[in-house]
């Protein structure tokens, strides 16, 4: 069920990309890029990160780097 929800969210992101590009809404595209990257990273971690490893501890996400710079 979680995977189905993630897939639906990815589809919504893609539709949002199309709408934002059509509207020439660059901030909306950038916002969606970060949301989609985070979703993709979470999906990849389910398959590539061993359960004993905390993948988030090894990689700083764009959101974290923006928060620490402000």
Protein backbone atom coordinates (compact mmCIF):
# COMPACT_ATOMS: atom_id res chain seq x y z
CA UNK A 1 0.00 0.00 0.00
CA UNK A 2 2.88 2.38 0.83
CA UNK A 3 4.48 1.66 -2.55
CA UNK A 4 1.18 2.36 -4.30
CA UNK A 5 0.93 5.73 -2.51
CA UNK A 6 4.51 6.58 -3.49
CA UNK A 7 3.77 5.72 -7.11
CA UNK A 8 0.66 7.91 -7.05
CA UNK A 9 2.68 10.77 -5.57
CA UNK A 10 5.33 10.37 -8.30
CA UNK A 11 2.59 10.54 -10.95
CA UNK A 12 1.26 13.71 -9.31
CA UNK A 13 4.77 15.17 -9.37
CA UNK A 14 5.08 14.42 -13.09
CA UNK A 15 1.71 16.01 -13.81
CA UNK A 16 2.80 18.99 -11.72
CA UNK A 17 6.01 19.30 -13.75
CA UNK A 18 3.98 19.45 -16.96
CA UNK A 19 1.60 22.07 -15.57
CA UNK A 20 4.39 24.20 -14.09
CA UNK A 21 6.44 24.10 -17.29
CA UNK A 22 3.40 25.06 -19.36
CA UNK A 23 2.78 27.98 -16.99
CA UNK A 24 6.47 29.00 -17.07
CA UNK A 25 6.41 28.72 -13.26
CA UNK A 26 10.08 28.17 -12.47
CA UNK A 27 9.69 28.25 -8.65
CA UNK A 28 7.04 25.52 -8.85
CA UNK A 29 9.33 23.37 -11.01
CA UNK A 30 12.22 23.80 -8.56
CA UNK A 31 9.97 22.95 -5.61
CA UNK A 32 8.74 19.81 -7.36
CA UNK A 33 12.30 18.78 -8.26
CA UNK A 34 13.30 18.73 -4.59
CA UNK A 35 10.14 16.89 -3.57
CA UNK A 36 10.60 14.35 -6.36
CA UNK A 37 14.30 13.85 -5.55
CA UNK A 38 13.40 13.18 -1.91
CA UNK A 39 10.73 10.66 -2.92
CA UNK A 40 13.17 8.96 -5.30
CA UNK A 41 15.89 8.86 -2.65
CA UNK A 42 13.50 7.26 -0.15
CA UNK A 43 12.44 4.69 -2.74
CA UNK A 44 16.05 3.83 -3.59
CA UNK A 45 16.96 3.48 0.09
CA UNK A 46 14.32 0.79 0.49
CA UNK A 47 16.22 -1.35 -2.00
CA UNK A 48 19.89 -0.44 -1.60
CA UNK A 49 20.52 0.55 2.04
CA UNK A 50 21.02 -2.31 4.47
CA UNK A 51 18.60 -2.08 7.40
CA UNK A 52 21.47 -1.65 9.87
CA UNK A 53 22.76 1.42 8.01
CA UNK A 54 21.21 4.82 8.46
CA UNK A 55 21.56 6.22 4.94
CA UNK A 56 20.38 9.68 6.04
CA UNK A 57 23.34 9.98 8.37
CA UNK A 58 25.72 9.63 5.43
CA UNK A 59 24.15 12.08 2.98
CA UNK A 60 23.05 15.65 3.47
CA UNK A 61 19.85 16.34 1.53
CA UNK A 62 19.29 19.62 -0.37
CA UNK A 63 16.67 20.61 2.20
CA UNK A 64 19.12 20.13 5.06
CA UNK A 65 21.84 22.14 3.31
CA UNK A 66 19.39 24.99 2.63
CA UNK A 67 18.27 24.96 6.27
CA UNK A 68 21.82 25.04 7.60
CA UNK A 69 22.77 27.94 5.29
CA UNK A 70 19.90 30.16 6.45
